Amino acid sequence: MSTSEEPEIVERGVKEKEHKEGEEEGGFIEKVKDFIQDIGEKIEETIGFGKPTADVTGIHIPCINLEKCDIVVDVLVKNPNPIPIPLIDINYLIESDGRKLVSGLIPDSGTIHAHGSETVKIPLSLIYDDIKNTYDDIKPGSIIPYKIKVDLIVDVPIFGRITIPLEKTGEIPIPYKPDIDVEKIKFEKFSFEETVAVLHLKLENKNDFDLGLNDLDYEIWLSDVSIGCAELSKSVNLEKNGITYMDIPITFRPKEFGSALWDMIRGKGTGYTMKGNIDVDTPFGAMKLPISKEGGTTRLKKSKEHGGDDDDDEV
């Protein structure tokens, strides 16, 4: 047997010693990890650190009109820790049927007091033009489902940064302004100085929800002459996708119309313009919606006691 083929001889004691040292080194690291974890748990138990909790307690719509819908999400955050914790960021997303409507981030959102709770108000806004320009199938007057997703990011000692996810669902409208027409004007008391008349209005609600009409704020012009405003004597319900007729009393001075007055008296068509706003209640909150009608034509009719025919509904 050649010298190169001789087996290497290692003393048994040396091998056992190296193996033992490796085991001791690995065991030491594990012991250190266990010690650190044990110390952390004991500190948590002694001082009372814990993970904060959060819940959506309400959703409000403080403002809604034809341009936008403002939404405020109330989130109750509870901090069980003996020190205040910072609310670092709030990530939010509003979607409808899986399609994003709006998203964003609110940084540095405040601090939750030690052993306390805070209601964090998260303001969001939906711009209707952005929604309609992105999704053609979302039409004015419709009601769409929504889901609000919120991630609260807080920084807690021992635990580090924690993300608390929240969700809430509901419905929001895409409002549409009502159509308005003056079907006819019937005067009850006529003189050149002052005439008391009744506006016969036709309002068409093109929304998928009722409108509770509380107030009219408008001005009407006959033959380019303003005859002022009228007041709503009682609230009226405008049914969804329906037509409602209303009688509104008004007072004006015919002598200001000049030659157009004689056309009105003879029953000829008189041009009118109407612009203003209506205040309505909806299932989603109060709204102020614009009303307008330009280039319309109506007729001035007399009541029976002034020689007219109340059964004549020609406009």
C-alpha atoms as a PDB file:
ATOM      1  CA  MET A   1       0.000   0.000   0.000  1.00  0.00           C
ATOM      2  CA  SER A   2       1.399   3.386  -1.022  1.00  0.00           C
ATOM      3  CA  THR A   3       1.695   6.274   1.370  1.00  0.00           C
ATOM      4  CA  SER A   4      -0.998   8.290  -0.467  1.00  0.00           C
ATOM      5  CA  GLU A   5      -3.557   5.589   0.139  1.00  0.00           C
ATOM      6  CA  GLU A   6      -3.112   5.573   3.878  1.00  0.00           C
ATOM      7  CA  PRO A   7      -6.305   6.694   5.694  1.00  0.00           C
ATOM      8  CA  GLU A   8      -6.350   9.954   7.639  1.00  0.00           C
ATOM      9  CA  ILE A   9      -6.372   9.301  11.319  1.00  0.00           C
ATOM     10  CA  VAL A  10      -8.262  11.824  13.499  1.00  0.00           C
ATOM     11  CA  GLU A  11      -8.452  11.426  17.175  1.00  0.00           C
ATOM     12  CA  ARG A  12     -11.971  10.669  18.430  1.00  0.00           C
ATOM     13  CA  GLY A  13     -11.726  13.210  21.193  1.00  0.00           C
ATOM     14  CA  VAL A  14     -11.057  16.046  18.729  1.00  0.00           C
ATOM     15  CA  LYS A  15     -14.198  15.258  16.646  1.00  0.00           C
ATOM     16  CA  GLU A  16     -16.399  15.052  19.668  1.00  0.00           C
ATOM     17  CA  LYS A  17     -15.037  18.349  20.931  1.00  0.00           C
ATOM     18  CA  GLU A  18     -15.757  20.178  17.614  1.00  0.00           C
ATOM     19  CA  HIS A  19     -19.297  18.710  17.476  1.00  0.00           C
ATOM     20  CA  LYS A  20     -19.929  19.715  21.053  1.00  0.00           C
ATOM     21  CA  GLU A  21     -18.717  23.278  20.426  1.00  0.00           C
ATOM     22  CA  GLY A  22     -21.094  23.595  17.400  1.00  0.00           C
ATOM     23  CA  GLU A  23     -24.019  22.426  19.467  1.00  0.00           C
ATOM     24  CA  GLU A  24     -23.153  24.818  22.250  1.00  0.00           C
ATOM     25  CA  GLU A  25     -22.898  27.772  19.814  1.00  0.00           C
ATOM     26  CA  GLY A  26     -26.295  27.017  18.202  1.00  0.00           C
ATOM     27  CA  GLY A  27     -27.863  26.463  21.573  1.00  0.00           C
ATOM     28  CA  PHE A  28     -26.503  29.757  22.835  1.00  0.00           C
ATOM     29  CA  ILE A  29     -28.108  31.717  19.955  1.00  0.00           C
ATOM     30  CA  GLU A  30     -31.445  30.022  20.525  1.00  0.00           C
ATOM     31  CA  LYS A  31     -31.219  30.769  24.223  1.00  0.00           C
ATOM     32  CA  VAL A  32     -30.540  34.439  23.475  1.00  0.00           C
ATOM     33  CA  LYS A  33     -33.591  34.580  21.160  1.00  0.00           C
ATOM     34  CA  ASP A  34     -35.787  32.918  23.769  1.00  0.00           C
ATOM     35  CA  PHE A  35     -34.467  35.279  26.425  1.00  0.00           C
ATOM     36  CA  ILE A  36     -35.220  38.366  24.319  1.00  0.00           C
ATOM     37  CA  GLN A  37     -38.714  37.096  23.499  1.00  0.00           C
ATOM     38  CA  ASP A  38     -39.337  36.267  27.143  1.00  0.00           C
ATOM     39  CA  ILE A  39     -38.155  39.718  28.237  1.00  0.00           C
ATOM     40  CA  GLY A  40     -40.435  41.337  25.595  1.00  0.00           C
ATOM     41  CA  GLU A  41     -43.451  39.349  26.790  1.00  0.00           C
ATOM     42  CA  LYS A  42     -42.728  40.214  30.415  1.00  0.00           C
ATOM     43  CA  ILE A  43     -42.373  43.913  29.557  1.00  0.00           C
ATOM     44  CA  GLU A  44     -45.668  43.753  27.622  1.00  0.00           C
ATOM     45  CA  GLU A  45     -47.400  42.056  30.557  1.00  0.00           C
ATOM     46  CA  THR A  46     -45.899  44.445  33.116  1.00  0.00           C
ATOM     47  CA  ILE A  47     -46.390  47.706  31.257  1.00  0.00           C
ATOM     48  CA  GLY A  48     -49.611  46.669  29.508  1.00  0.00           C
ATOM     49  CA  PHE A  49     -48.848  47.125  25.808  1.00  0.00           C
ATOM     50  CA  GLY A  50     -51.414  45.853  23.336  1.00  0.00           C
ATOM     51  CA  LYS A  51     -52.604  46.244  19.786  1.00  0.00           C
ATOM     52  CA  PRO A  52     -55.084  49.073  19.118  1.00  0.00           C
ATOM     53  CA  THR A  53     -58.503  48.372  17.625  1.00  0.00           C
ATOM     54  CA  ALA A  54     -60.699  50.376  15.260  1.00  0.00           C
ATOM     55  CA  ASP A  55     -64.261  50.311  13.970  1.00  0.00           C
ATOM     56  CA  VAL A  56     -66.313  52.376  11.500  1.00  0.00           C
ATOM     57  CA  THR A  57     -69.050  53.977  13.611  1.00  0.00           C
ATOM     58  CA  GLY A  58     -70.728  56.165  10.991  1.00  0.00           C
ATOM     59  CA  ILE A  59     -70.739  57.594   7.491  1.00  0.00           C
ATOM     60  CA  HIS A  60     -72.082  61.091   6.841  1.00  0.00           C
ATOM     61  CA  ILE A  61     -72.773  63.066   3.663  1.00  0.00           C
ATOM     62  CA  PRO A  62     -72.457  66.739   4.710  1.00  0.00           C
ATOM     63  CA  CYS A  63     -72.675  68.057   1.143  1.00  0.00           C
ATOM     64  CA  ILE A  64     -74.116  66.641  -2.044  1.00  0.00           C
ATOM     65  CA  ASN A  65     -74.997  68.432  -5.266  1.00  0.00           C
ATOM     66  CA  LEU A  66     -74.655  68.006  -9.021  1.00  0.00           C
ATOM     67  CA  GLU A  67     -70.871  68.427  -8.912  1.00  0.00           C
ATOM     68  CA  LYS A  68     -69.703  66.299  -6.007  1.00  0.00           C
ATOM     69  CA  CYS A  69     -70.510  64.233  -2.959  1.00  0.00           C
ATOM     70  CA  ASP A  70     -68.565  64.881   0.257  1.00  0.00           C
ATOM     71  CA  ILE A  71     -68.350  61.883   2.576  1.00  0.00           C
ATOM     72  CA  VAL A  72     -67.040  61.782   6.144  1.00  0.00           C
ATOM     73  CA  VAL A  73     -66.141  58.390   7.643  1.00  0.00           C
ATOM     74  CA  ASP A  74     -66.123  58.208  11.462  1.00  0.00           C
ATOM     75  CA  VAL A  75     -63.597  55.668  12.785  1.00  0.00           C
ATOM     76  CA  LEU A  76     -63.371  54.951  16.525  1.00  0.00           C
ATOM     77  CA  VAL A  77     -59.770  54.001  17.432  1.00  0.00           C
ATOM     78  CA  LYS A  78     -59.035  52.539  20.902  1.00  0.00           C
ATOM     79  CA  ASN A  79     -55.514  52.612  22.373  1.00  0.00           C
ATOM     80  CA  PRO A  80     -54.963  50.188  25.306  1.00  0.00           C
ATOM     81  CA  ASN A  81     -51.337  51.303  25.789  1.00  0.00           C
ATOM     82  CA  PRO A  82     -49.941  53.505  28.586  1.00  0.00           C
ATOM     83  CA  ILE A  83     -48.444  55.939  26.077  1.00  0.00           C
ATOM     84  CA  PRO A  84     -49.940  57.859  23.128  1.00  0.00           C
ATOM     85  CA  ILE A  85     -49.549  56.233  19.725  1.00  0.00           C
ATOM     86  CA  PRO A  86     -49.209  58.136  16.457  1.00  0.00           C
ATOM     87  CA  LEU A  87     -51.602  57.541  13.592  1.00  0.00           C
ATOM     88  CA  ILE A  88     -49.017  57.651  10.827  1.00  0.00           C
ATOM     89  CA  ASP A  89     -51.032  57.286   7.619  1.00  0.00           C
ATOM     90  CA  ILE A  90     -54.565  56.631   6.409  1.00  0.00           C
ATOM     91  CA  ASN A  91     -54.942  54.923   3.050  1.00  0.00           C
ATOM     92  CA  TYR A  92     -58.439  54.983   1.541  1.00  0.00           C
ATOM     93  CA  LEU A  93     -60.221  53.595  -1.499  1.00  0.00           C
ATOM     94  CA  ILE A  94     -63.818  53.964  -2.677  1.00  0.00           C
ATOM     95  CA  GLU A  95     -64.968  51.475  -5.291  1.00  0.00           C
ATOM     96  CA  SER A  96     -68.227  50.446  -6.956  1.00  0.00           C
ATOM     97  CA  ASP A  97     -68.697  46.921  -8.268  1.00  0.00           C
ATOM     98  CA  GLY A  98     -64.933  46.437  -8.089  1.00  0.00           C
ATOM     99  CA  ARG A  99     -64.146  49.650  -9.996  1.00  0.00           C
ATOM    100  CA  LYS A 100     -62.122  52.392  -8.333  1.00  0.00           C
ATOM    101  CA  LEU A 101     -63.927  55.707  -7.911  1.00  0.00           C
ATOM    102  CA  VAL A 102     -61.306  57.527  -5.838  1.00  0.00           C
ATOM    103  CA  SER A 103     -58.280  56.704  -3.679  1.00  0.00           C
ATOM    104  CA  GLY A 104     -55.675  58.576  -1.686  1.00  0.00           C
ATOM    105  CA  LEU A 105     -53.502  58.891   1.401  1.00  0.00           C
ATOM    106  CA  ILE A 106     -53.830  61.168   4.433  1.00  0.00           C
ATOM    107  CA  PRO A 107     -50.447  61.492   6.224  1.00  0.00           C
ATOM    108  CA  ASP A 108     -49.759  62.423   9.853  1.00  0.00           C
ATOM    109  CA  SER A 109     -53.340  61.943  10.967  1.00  0.00           C
ATOM    110  CA  GLY A 110     -52.927  62.692  14.662  1.00  0.00           C
ATOM    111  CA  THR A 111     -52.323  60.863  17.938  1.00  0.00           C
ATOM    112  CA  ILE A 112     -54.456  58.487  19.984  1.00  0.00           C
ATOM    113  CA  HIS A 113     -54.185  59.269  23.719  1.00  0.00           C
ATOM    114  CA  ALA A 114     -52.899  56.711  26.210  1.00  0.00           C
ATOM    115  CA  HIS A 115     -55.578  54.324  27.512  1.00  0.00           C
ATOM    116  CA  GLY A 116     -58.112  56.283  25.476  1.00  0.00           C
ATOM    117  CA  SER A 117     -60.183  56.333  22.332  1.00  0.00           C
ATOM    118  CA  GLU A 118     -60.531  58.890  19.571  1.00  0.00           C
ATOM    119  CA  THR A 119     -63.045  59.277  16.745  1.00  0.00           C
ATOM    120  CA  VAL A 120     -61.005  59.976  13.640  1.00  0.00           C
ATOM    121  CA  LYS A 121     -62.963  61.746  10.897  1.00  0.00           C
ATOM    122  CA  ILE A 122     -61.810  60.856   7.382  1.00  0.00           C
ATOM    123  CA  PRO A 123     -63.041  63.340   4.723  1.00  0.00           C
ATOM    124  CA  LEU A 124     -63.496  62.000   1.192  1.00  0.00           C
ATOM    125  CA  SER A 125     -64.898  63.567  -1.981  1.00  0.00           C
ATOM    126  CA  LEU A 126     -66.403  62.028  -5.103  1.00  0.00           C
ATOM    127  CA  ILE A 127     -66.299  64.282  -8.176  1.00  0.00           C
ATOM    128  CA  TYR A 128     -69.154  63.215 -10.441  1.00  0.00           C
ATOM    129  CA  ASP A 129     -67.585  64.420 -13.685  1.00  0.00           C
ATOM    130  CA  ASP A 130     -64.549  62.208 -13.022  1.00  0.00           C
ATOM    131  CA  ILE A 131     -66.792  59.206 -12.417  1.00  0.00           C
ATOM    132  CA  LYS A 132     -69.000  59.788 -15.483  1.00  0.00           C
ATOM    133  CA  ASN A 133     -65.991  60.435 -17.727  1.00  0.00           C
ATOM    134  CA  THR A 134     -64.355  57.189 -16.575  1.00  0.00           C
ATOM    135  CA  TYR A 135     -67.404  54.904 -16.613  1.00  0.00           C
ATOM    136  CA  ASP A 136     -69.943  55.573 -19.370  1.00  0.00           C
ATOM    137  CA  ASP A 137     -72.536  53.223 -17.884  1.00  0.00           C
ATOM    138  CA  ILE A 138     -72.917  55.304 -14.703  1.00  0.00           C
ATOM    139  CA  LYS A 139     -75.762  57.652 -15.614  1.00  0.00           C
ATOM    140  CA  PRO A 140     -77.047  60.824 -13.929  1.00  0.00           C
ATOM    141  CA  GLY A 141     -80.045  60.114 -11.716  1.00  0.00           C
ATOM    142  CA  SER A 142     -78.905  56.598 -10.816  1.00  0.00           C
ATOM    143  CA  ILE A 143     -77.989  55.043  -7.463  1.00  0.00           C
ATOM    144  CA  ILE A 144     -74.759  53.047  -7.302  1.00  0.00           C
ATOM    145  CA  PRO A 145     -73.338  50.729  -4.614  1.00  0.00           C
ATOM    146  CA  TYR A 146     -70.043  51.636  -2.987  1.00  0.00           C
ATOM    147  CA  LYS A 147     -67.444  50.034  -0.751  1.00  0.00           C
ATOM    148  CA  ILE A 148     -65.083  52.166   1.328  1.00  0.00           C
ATOM    149  CA  LYS A 149     -61.775  50.539   2.271  1.00  0.00           C
ATOM    150  CA  VAL A 150     -59.602  52.226   4.897  1.00  0.00           C
ATOM    151  CA  ASP A 151     -56.166  51.189   6.208  1.00  0.00           C
ATOM    152  CA  LEU A 152     -55.078  52.832   9.470  1.00  0.00           C
ATOM    153  CA  ILE A 153     -51.313  52.640  10.025  1.00  0.00           C
ATOM    154  CA  VAL A 154     -50.223  53.124  13.642  1.00  0.00           C
ATOM    155  CA  ASP A 155     -46.852  52.830  15.403  1.00  0.00           C
ATOM    156  CA  VAL A 156     -46.923  50.845  18.671  1.00  0.00           C
ATOM    157  CA  PRO A 157     -43.893  50.133  20.890  1.00  0.00           C
ATOM    158  CA  ILE A 158     -42.800  46.469  20.842  1.00  0.00           C
ATOM    159  CA  PHE A 159     -45.223  45.655  17.997  1.00  0.00           C
ATOM    160  CA  GLY A 160     -43.899  48.286  15.577  1.00  0.00           C
ATOM    161  CA  ARG A 161     -46.057  49.518  12.691  1.00  0.00           C
ATOM    162  CA  ILE A 162     -49.485  47.935  12.509  1.00  0.00           C
ATOM    163  CA  THR A 163     -52.048  48.200   9.710  1.00  0.00           C
ATOM    164  CA  ILE A 164     -55.713  48.043  10.738  1.00  0.00           C
ATOM    165  CA  PRO A 165     -57.955  47.341   7.694  1.00  0.00           C
ATOM    166  CA  LEU A 166     -61.608  48.507   7.696  1.00  0.00           C
ATOM    167  CA  GLU A 167     -64.494  48.254   5.204  1.00  0.00           C
ATOM    168  CA  LYS A 168     -67.973  49.748   4.894  1.00  0.00           C
ATOM    169  CA  THR A 169     -70.594  49.431   2.156  1.00  0.00           C
ATOM    170  CA  GLY A 170     -73.592  51.510   1.137  1.00  0.00           C
ATOM    171  CA  GLU A 171     -75.224  53.403  -1.729  1.00  0.00           C
ATOM    172  CA  ILE A 172     -74.704  56.873  -3.173  1.00  0.00           C
ATOM    173  CA  PRO A 173     -76.708  58.791  -5.797  1.00  0.00           C
ATOM    174  CA  ILE A 174     -75.556  60.489  -8.981  1.00  0.00           C
ATOM    175  CA  PRO A 175     -78.041  63.419  -8.836  1.00  0.00           C
ATOM    176  CA  TYR A 176     -79.796  64.862 -11.882  1.00  0.00           C
ATOM    177  CA  LYS A 177     -81.524  68.244 -11.940  1.00  0.00           C
ATOM    178  CA  PRO A 178     -85.322  68.213 -12.433  1.00  0.00           C
ATOM    179  CA  ASP A 179     -86.905  69.639 -15.586  1.00  0.00           C
ATOM    180  CA  ILE A 180     -89.315  72.533 -15.036  1.00  0.00           C
ATOM    181  CA  ASP A 181     -91.928  74.120 -17.307  1.00  0.00           C
ATOM    182  CA  VAL A 182     -94.492  76.899 -16.818  1.00  0.00           C
ATOM    183  CA  GLU A 183     -97.513  75.308 -18.429  1.00  0.00           C
ATOM    184  CA  LYS A 184     -99.621  78.438 -18.084  1.00  0.00           C
ATOM    185  CA  ILE A 185    -100.138  81.547 -15.974  1.00  0.00           C
ATOM    186  CA  LYS A 186    -103.699  82.168 -14.800  1.00  0.00           C
ATOM    187  CA  PHE A 187    -104.414  85.518 -13.172  1.00  0.00           C
ATOM    188  CA  GLU A 188    -106.907  85.810 -10.358  1.00  0.00           C
ATOM    189  CA  LYS A 189    -106.922  89.590  -9.966  1.00  0.00           C
ATOM    190  CA  PHE A 190    -105.963  91.875 -12.830  1.00  0.00           C
ATOM    191  CA  SER A 191    -105.044  95.554 -12.918  1.00  0.00           C
ATOM    192  CA  PHE A 192    -102.312  97.512 -14.632  1.00  0.00           C
ATOM    193  CA  GLU A 193    -100.784  98.363 -11.263  1.00  0.00           C
ATOM    194  CA  GLU A 194    -100.820  94.887  -9.755  1.00  0.00           C
ATOM    195  CA  THR A 195    -101.890  91.466 -10.936  1.00  0.00           C
ATOM    196  CA  VAL A 196    -102.255  88.383  -8.748  1.00  0.00           C
ATOM    197  CA  ALA A 197    -101.672  85.241 -10.794  1.00  0.00           C
ATOM    198  CA  VAL A 198    -100.978  81.522 -10.376  1.00  0.00           C
ATOM    199  CA  LEU A 199     -98.078  79.777 -12.061  1.00  0.00           C
ATOM    200  CA  HIS A 200     -98.987  76.267 -13.176  1.00  0.00           C
ATOM    201  CA  LEU A 201     -95.649  74.450 -12.994  1.00  0.00           C
ATOM    202  CA  LYS A 202     -94.671  71.049 -14.287  1.00  0.00           C
ATOM    203  CA  LEU A 203     -91.671  69.386 -12.628  1.00  0.00           C
ATOM    204  CA  GLU A 204     -90.149  66.140 -13.857  1.00  0.00           C
ATOM    205  CA  ASN A 205     -87.911  64.233 -11.438  1.00  0.00           C
ATOM    206  CA  LYS A 206     -85.468  62.119 -13.474  1.00  0.00           C
ATOM    207  CA  ASN A 207     -83.774  60.547 -10.452  1.00  0.00           C
ATOM    208  CA  ASP A 208     -84.177  56.999  -9.162  1.00  0.00           C
ATOM    209  CA  PHE A 209     -85.144  58.422  -5.761  1.00  0.00           C
ATOM    210  CA  ASP A 210     -87.838  60.773  -4.427  1.00  0.00           C
ATOM    211  CA  LEU A 211     -87.211  64.468  -3.868  1.00  0.00           C
ATOM    212  CA  GLY A 212     -88.958  66.207  -0.969  1.00  0.00           C
ATOM    213  CA  LEU A 213     -89.346  69.779  -2.250  1.00  0.00           C
ATOM    214  CA  ASN A 214     -89.056  72.231   0.653  1.00  0.00           C
ATOM    215  CA  ASP A 215     -88.246  75.556  -0.967  1.00  0.00           C
ATOM    216  CA  LEU A 216     -88.085  77.341  -4.321  1.00  0.00           C
ATOM    217  CA  ASP A 217     -85.529  80.054  -4.900  1.00  0.00           C
ATOM    218  CA  TYR A 218     -85.952  81.360  -8.434  1.00  0.00           C
ATOM    219  CA  GLU A 219     -86.713  84.297 -10.672  1.00  0.00           C
ATOM    220  CA  ILE A 220     -88.997  84.304 -13.709  1.00  0.00           C
ATOM    221  CA  TRP A 221     -88.992  86.588 -16.721  1.00  0.00           C
ATOM    222  CA  LEU A 222     -91.946  87.154 -19.080  1.00  0.00           C
ATOM    223  CA  SER A 223     -91.085  88.854 -22.375  1.00  0.00           C
ATOM    224  CA  ASP A 224     -87.630  89.638 -20.937  1.00  0.00           C
ATOM    225  CA  VAL A 225     -89.200  91.476 -17.998  1.00  0.00           C
ATOM    226  CA  SER A 226     -88.632  90.077 -14.514  1.00  0.00           C
ATOM    227  CA  ILE A 227     -91.835  89.473 -12.601  1.00  0.00           C
ATOM    228  CA  GLY A 228     -89.931  88.546  -9.460  1.00  0.00           C
ATOM    229  CA  CYS A 229     -90.116  85.458  -7.306  1.00  0.00           C
ATOM    230  CA  ALA A 230     -92.778  83.332  -5.683  1.00  0.00           C
ATOM    231  CA  GLU A 231     -92.919  81.354  -2.466  1.00  0.00           C
ATOM    232  CA  LEU A 232     -93.715  77.715  -1.889  1.00  0.00           C
ATOM    233  CA  SER A 233     -96.613  77.474   0.548  1.00  0.00           C
ATOM    234  CA  LYS A 234     -96.089  73.816   1.483  1.00  0.00           C
ATOM    235  CA  SER A 235     -93.626  71.017   0.835  1.00  0.00           C
ATOM    236  CA  VAL A 236     -94.260  68.712  -2.121  1.00  0.00           C
ATOM    237  CA  ASN A 237     -92.981  65.212  -2.853  1.00  0.00           C
ATOM    238  CA  LEU A 238     -91.521  64.725  -6.328  1.00  0.00           C
ATOM    239  CA  GLU A 239     -91.782  61.001  -6.992  1.00  0.00           C
ATOM    240  CA  LYS A 240     -88.835  59.238  -8.576  1.00  0.00           C
ATOM    241  CA  ASN A 241     -88.941  59.168 -12.373  1.00  0.00           C
ATOM    242  CA  GLY A 242     -92.298  60.967 -12.239  1.00  0.00           C
ATOM    243  CA  ILE A 243     -94.041  64.228 -13.123  1.00  0.00           C
ATOM    244  CA  THR A 244     -95.557  66.552 -10.525  1.00  0.00           C
ATOM    245  CA  TYR A 245     -97.808  69.584 -11.132  1.00  0.00           C
ATOM    246  CA  MET A 246     -97.773  72.562  -8.795  1.00  0.00           C
ATOM    247  CA  ASP A 247     -99.626  75.872  -8.474  1.00  0.00           C
ATOM    248  CA  ILE A 248     -97.545  78.791  -7.216  1.00  0.00           C
ATOM    249  CA  PRO A 249     -99.150  82.221  -6.536  1.00  0.00           C
ATOM    250  CA  ILE A 250     -97.273  85.282  -7.768  1.00  0.00           C
ATOM    251  CA  THR A 251     -97.807  89.039  -7.963  1.00  0.00           C
ATOM    252  CA  PHE A 252     -96.485  91.341 -10.696  1.00  0.00           C
ATOM    253  CA  ARG A 253     -97.178  94.691 -12.473  1.00  0.00           C
ATOM    254  CA  PRO A 254     -98.419  94.208 -16.075  1.00  0.00           C
ATOM    255  CA  LYS A 255     -97.784  97.834 -17.111  1.00  0.00           C
ATOM    256  CA  GLU A 256     -94.046  97.103 -17.085  1.00  0.00           C
ATOM    257  CA  PHE A 257     -94.431  94.693 -20.024  1.00  0.00           C
ATOM    258  CA  GLY A 258     -95.259  97.359 -22.653  1.00  0.00           C
ATOM    259  CA  SER A 259     -96.625  96.018 -25.953  1.00  0.00           C
ATOM    260  CA  ALA A 260     -96.039  92.413 -24.852  1.00  0.00           C
ATOM    261  CA  LEU A 261     -98.916  92.888 -22.403  1.00  0.00           C
ATOM    262  CA  TRP A 262    -101.495  93.016 -25.212  1.00  0.00           C
ATOM    263  CA  ASP A 263    -100.178  89.763 -26.687  1.00  0.00           C
ATOM    264  CA  MET A 264    -100.583  88.169 -23.286  1.00  0.00           C
ATOM    265  CA  ILE A 265    -104.138  89.476 -22.883  1.00  0.00           C
ATOM    266  CA  ARG A 266    -105.113  88.269 -26.365  1.00  0.00           C
ATOM    267  CA  GLY A 267    -103.923  84.780 -25.394  1.00  0.00           C
ATOM    268  CA  LYS A 268    -100.886  84.752 -27.657  1.00  0.00           C
ATOM    269  CA  GLY A 269     -97.828  82.813 -26.578  1.00  0.00           C
ATOM    270  CA  THR A 270     -95.467  84.677 -24.293  1.00  0.00           C
ATOM    271  CA  GLY A 271     -91.812  83.817 -23.966  1.00  0.00           C
ATOM    272  CA  TYR A 272     -90.471  83.137 -20.497  1.00  0.00           C
ATOM    273  CA  THR A 273     -87.232  82.262 -18.729  1.00  0.00           C
ATOM    274  CA  MET A 274     -86.956  80.702 -15.299  1.00  0.00           C
ATOM    275  CA  LYS A 275     -83.779  80.214 -13.262  1.00  0.00           C
ATOM    276  CA  GLY A 276     -83.061  79.344  -9.663  1.00  0.00           C
ATOM    277  CA  ASN A 277     -82.651  76.496  -7.197  1.00  0.00           C
ATOM    278  CA  ILE A 278     -84.772  74.083  -5.247  1.00  0.00           C
ATOM    279  CA  ASP A 279     -84.051  72.767  -1.752  1.00  0.00           C
ATOM    280  CA  VAL A 280     -84.967  69.097  -1.449  1.00  0.00           C
ATOM    281  CA  ASP A 281     -84.705  66.265   1.051  1.00  0.00           C
ATOM    282  CA  THR A 282     -83.499  62.889  -0.209  1.00  0.00           C
ATOM    283  CA  PRO A 283     -82.698  59.513   1.369  1.00  0.00           C
ATOM    284  CA  PHE A 284     -79.050  60.623   1.180  1.00  0.00           C
ATOM    285  CA  GLY A 285     -79.433  64.046   2.794  1.00  0.00           C
ATOM    286  CA  ALA A 286     -80.477  67.547   1.824  1.00  0.00           C
ATOM    287  CA  MET A 287     -79.601  68.877  -1.643  1.00  0.00           C
ATOM    288  CA  LYS A 288     -79.780  72.200  -3.435  1.00  0.00           C
ATOM    289  CA  LEU A 289     -80.428  71.538  -7.131  1.00  0.00           C
ATOM    290  CA  PRO A 290     -80.516  74.102  -9.928  1.00  0.00           C
ATOM    291  CA  ILE A 291     -83.602  74.597 -12.099  1.00  0.00           C
ATOM    292  CA  SER A 292     -83.618  76.474 -15.381  1.00  0.00           C
ATOM    293  CA  LYS A 293     -85.800  76.927 -18.428  1.00  0.00           C
ATOM    294  CA  GLU A 294     -84.917  79.284 -21.265  1.00  0.00           C
ATOM    295  CA  GLY A 295     -86.877  79.943 -24.445  1.00  0.00           C
ATOM    296  CA  GLY A 296     -90.117  78.536 -23.070  1.00  0.00           C
ATOM    297  CA  THR A 297     -93.550  79.728 -24.199  1.00  0.00           C
ATOM    298  CA  THR A 298     -96.645  80.047 -22.036  1.00  0.00           C
ATOM    299  CA  ARG A 299    -100.017  81.854 -22.078  1.00  0.00           C
ATOM    300  CA  LEU A 300    -101.706  84.188 -19.680  1.00  0.00           C
ATOM    301  CA  LYS A 301    -105.246  82.930 -18.945  1.00  0.00           C
ATOM    302  CA  LYS A 302    -108.101  84.620 -17.108  1.00  0.00           C
ATOM    303  CA  SER A 303    -110.119  82.907 -14.411  1.00  0.00           C
ATOM    304  CA  LYS A 304    -113.905  82.526 -14.899  1.00  0.00           C
ATOM    305  CA  GLU A 305    -114.759  85.563 -12.802  1.00  0.00           C
ATOM    306  CA  HIS A 306    -112.607  87.649 -15.169  1.00  0.00           C
ATOM    307  CA  GLY A 307    -114.123  86.281 -18.349  1.00  0.00           C
ATOM    308  CA  GLY A 308    -111.857  83.299 -18.811  1.00  0.00           C
ATOM    309  CA  ASP A 309    -112.461  79.561 -18.973  1.00  0.00           C
ATOM    310  CA  ASP A 310    -110.924  77.468 -16.226  1.00  0.00           C
ATOM    311  CA  ASP A 311    -111.425  74.315 -18.275  1.00  0.00           C
ATOM    312  CA  ASP A 312    -109.212  75.613 -21.061  1.00  0.00           C
ATOM    313  CA  ASP A 313    -105.835  73.933 -20.546  1.00  0.00           C
ATOM    314  CA  GLU A 314    -104.206  75.188 -23.744  1.00  0.00           C
ATOM    315  CA  VAL A 315    -100.573  76.277 -23.176  1.00  0.00           C
END
